[in-house]
C-alpha atoms as a PDB file:
ATOM      1  CA  MET A   1      51.905  54.388 139.275  1.00  0.00           C
ATOM      2  CA  THR A   2      53.349  56.891 136.804  1.00  0.00           C
ATOM      3  CA  GLU A   3      57.083  57.121 136.230  1.00  0.00           C
ATOM      4  CA  HIS A   4      58.341  60.615 136.948  1.00  0.00           C
ATOM      5  CA  ARG A   5      61.812  61.716 135.841  1.00  0.00           C
ATOM      6  CA  SER A   6      63.292  64.808 137.369  1.00  0.00           C
ATOM      7  CA  SER A   7      64.756  67.546 135.183  1.00  0.00           C
ATOM      8  CA  GLN A   8      68.190  66.714 136.619  1.00  0.00           C
ATOM      9  CA  THR A   9      67.840  63.103 135.479  1.00  0.00           C
ATOM     10  CA  ASP A  10      66.657  64.302 132.061  1.00  0.00           C
ATOM     11  CA  ALA A  11      69.663  66.617 131.734  1.00  0.00           C
ATOM     12  CA  ARG A  12      72.050  63.833 132.761  1.00  0.00           C
ATOM     13  CA  SER A  13      70.460  61.499 130.232  1.00  0.00           C
ATOM     14  CA  ALA A  14      70.681  64.137 127.484  1.00  0.00           C
ATOM     15  CA  THR A  15      74.366  64.713 128.249  1.00  0.00           C
ATOM     16  CA  THR A  16      75.078  60.977 128.201  1.00  0.00           C
ATOM     17  CA  ASP A  17      73.256  60.671 124.866  1.00  0.00           C
ATOM     18  CA  SER A  18      75.289  63.584 123.450  1.00  0.00           C
ATOM     19  CA  VAL A  19      78.546  61.911 124.492  1.00  0.00           C
ATOM     20  CA  ARG A  20      77.488  58.613 122.930  1.00  0.00           C
ATOM     21  CA  GLN A  21      76.536  60.332 119.687  1.00  0.00           C
ATOM     22  CA  GLY A  22      79.870  62.151 119.524  1.00  0.00           C
ATOM     23  CA  ARG A  23      78.483  65.670 119.937  1.00  0.00           C
ATOM     24  CA  ILE A  24      80.557  66.270 123.070  1.00  0.00           C
ATOM     25  CA  ASP A  25      84.308  65.685 123.005  1.00  0.00           C
ATOM     26  CA  THR A  26      85.229  64.033 126.294  1.00  0.00           C
ATOM     27  CA  ASN A  27      88.958  64.263 125.553  1.00  0.00           C
ATOM     28  CA  THR A  28      89.143  68.011 126.007  1.00  0.00           C
ATOM     29  CA  THR A  29      89.337  69.969 129.226  1.00  0.00           C
ATOM     30  CA  TYR A  30      86.561  72.437 129.937  1.00  0.00           C
ATOM     31  CA  VAL A  31      87.941  75.888 130.641  1.00  0.00           C
ATOM     32  CA  PRO A  32      85.293  78.300 131.857  1.00  0.00           C
ATOM     33  CA  ARG A  33      85.060  81.660 130.139  1.00  0.00           C
ATOM     34  CA  ILE A  34      85.257  84.323 132.778  1.00  0.00           C
ATOM     35  CA  ALA A  35      85.334  88.051 132.280  1.00  0.00           C
ATOM     36  CA  SER A  36      88.100  89.538 134.389  1.00  0.00           C
ATOM     37  CA  GLY A  37      85.595  92.043 135.824  1.00  0.00           C
ATOM     38  CA  ASP A  38      83.688  89.119 137.390  1.00  0.00           C
ATOM     39  CA  ILE A  39      86.617  88.017 139.528  1.00  0.00           C
ATOM     40  CA  PRO A  40      87.546  89.689 142.828  1.00  0.00           C
ATOM     41  CA  PRO A  41      91.153  90.863 143.314  1.00  0.00           C
ATOM     42  CA  VAL A  42      91.906  87.930 145.626  1.00  0.00           C
ATOM     43  CA  LEU A  43      90.396  84.448 145.756  1.00  0.00           C
ATOM     44  CA  ASP A  44      90.182  81.838 148.439  1.00  0.00           C
ATOM     45  CA  VAL A  45      91.757  78.474 147.675  1.00  0.00           C
ATOM     46  CA  PRO A  46      88.547  76.659 146.615  1.00  0.00           C
ATOM     47  CA  GLN A  47      87.676  79.496 144.189  1.00  0.00           C
ATOM     48  CA  ALA A  48      91.161  79.424 142.646  1.00  0.00           C
ATOM     49  CA  ALA A  49      91.030  75.630 142.407  1.00  0.00           C
ATOM     50  CA  ARG A  50      87.688  75.781 140.560  1.00  0.00           C
ATOM     51  CA  LEU A  51      89.134  78.257 138.063  1.00  0.00           C
ATOM     52  CA  LEU A  52      92.044  75.919 137.378  1.00  0.00           C
ATOM     53  CA  GLY A  53      89.790  72.871 137.190  1.00  0.00           C
ATOM     54  CA  ILE A  54      91.335  71.037 140.126  1.00  0.00           C
ATOM     55  CA  GLY A  55      89.952  69.911 143.447  1.00  0.00           C
ATOM     56  CA  ARG A  56      90.222  71.781 146.711  1.00  0.00           C
ATOM     57  CA  THR A  57      92.314  69.061 148.369  1.00  0.00           C
ATOM     58  CA  LEU A  58      94.877  69.059 145.564  1.00  0.00           C
ATOM     59  CA  ALA A  59      95.026  72.865 145.660  1.00  0.00           C
ATOM     60  CA  TYR A  60      95.810  72.886 149.390  1.00  0.00           C
ATOM     61  CA  GLU A  61      98.416  70.149 148.872  1.00  0.00           C
ATOM     62  CA  LEU A  62     100.117  72.151 146.094  1.00  0.00           C
ATOM     63  CA  ILE A  63     100.181  75.226 148.323  1.00  0.00           C
ATOM     64  CA  ARG A  64     101.516  73.230 151.292  1.00  0.00           C
ATOM     65  CA  THR A  65     104.356  71.783 149.188  1.00  0.00           C
ATOM     66  CA  ASN A  66     105.153  75.138 147.507  1.00  0.00           C
ATOM     67  CA  GLN A  67     104.127  73.776 144.098  1.00  0.00           C
ATOM     68  CA  TRP A  68     101.187  76.161 143.535  1.00  0.00           C
ATOM     69  CA  PRO A  69     101.878  77.933 140.200  1.00  0.00           C
ATOM     70  CA  THR A  70     101.026  81.493 141.283  1.00  0.00           C
ATOM     71  CA  PRO A  71     101.770  83.741 144.274  1.00  0.00           C
ATOM     72  CA  VAL A  72     100.091  82.835 147.556  1.00  0.00           C
ATOM     73  CA  VAL A  73      99.285  85.370 150.275  1.00  0.00           C
ATOM     74  CA  ARG A  74      99.282  83.985 153.825  1.00  0.00           C
ATOM     75  CA  MET A  75      97.920  85.954 156.770  1.00  0.00           C
ATOM     76  CA  GLY A  76      98.079  83.671 159.765  1.00  0.00           C
ATOM     77  CA  ARG A  77      95.909  80.695 158.825  1.00  0.00           C
ATOM     78  CA  LEU A  78      94.167  82.628 156.046  1.00  0.00           C
ATOM     79  CA  ILE A  79      95.357  81.812 152.515  1.00  0.00           C
ATOM     80  CA  LYS A  80      94.434  84.033 149.571  1.00  0.00           C
ATOM     81  CA  ILE A  81      95.386  83.815 145.909  1.00  0.00           C
ATOM     82  CA  PRO A  82      95.687  87.033 143.863  1.00  0.00           C
ATOM     83  CA  SER A  83      93.423  86.670 140.829  1.00  0.00           C
ATOM     84  CA  GLY A  84      95.687  88.529 138.369  1.00  0.00           C
ATOM     85  CA  PRO A  85      98.333  85.778 138.194  1.00  0.00           C
ATOM     86  CA  ILE A  86      95.598  83.112 138.011  1.00  0.00           C
ATOM     87  CA  MET A  87      94.073  84.884 134.994  1.00  0.00           C
ATOM     88  CA  GLU A  88      97.548  85.202 133.422  1.00  0.00           C
ATOM     89  CA  LEU A  89      98.126  81.486 133.966  1.00  0.00           C
ATOM     90  CA  MET A  90      94.796  80.614 132.368  1.00  0.00           C
ATOM     91  CA  THR A  91      95.470  82.922 129.417  1.00  0.00           C
ATOM     92  CA  THR A  92      99.142  82.255 128.684  1.00  0.00           C
ATOM     93  CA  GLY A  93      99.755  78.926 130.385  1.00  0.00           C
ATOM     94  CA  SER A  94     102.472  80.353 132.612  1.00  0.00           C
ATOM     95  CA  ALA A  95     102.764  82.669 135.575  1.00  0.00           C
ATOM     96  CA  ALA A  96     105.694  83.889 137.587  1.00  0.00           C
ATOM     97  CA  HIS A  97     105.831  81.901 140.821  1.00  0.00           C
ATOM     98  CA  ARG A  98     106.826  83.923 143.823  1.00  0.00           C
ATOM     99  CA  GLN A  99     105.587  83.743 147.356  1.00  0.00           C
ATOM    100  CA  ALA A 100     103.798  86.912 148.422  1.00  0.00           C
ATOM    101  CA  GLY A 101     103.128  88.045 151.959  1.00  0.00           C
END
């Protein structure tokens, strides 16, 4: 029987090897580079959470407790996050917090 490793397993192994050899700094936060033209004018909560590098559950909790760092638009049960303030937050580290809608 031949041992077969999937490409996903190979990639995981290569990443682990890179961390061990010090080629990847695990103490830094990955911030995705995103061109502002790639982002729609409003985001749903999971999209905004991914941009900020947090989980969906934490994002909803921050919104529920009014601790979300950017404006939130509520339309009934629908929650949307304007992308402009999110991009400002990612660029400058701060955004004006005000409830919209």
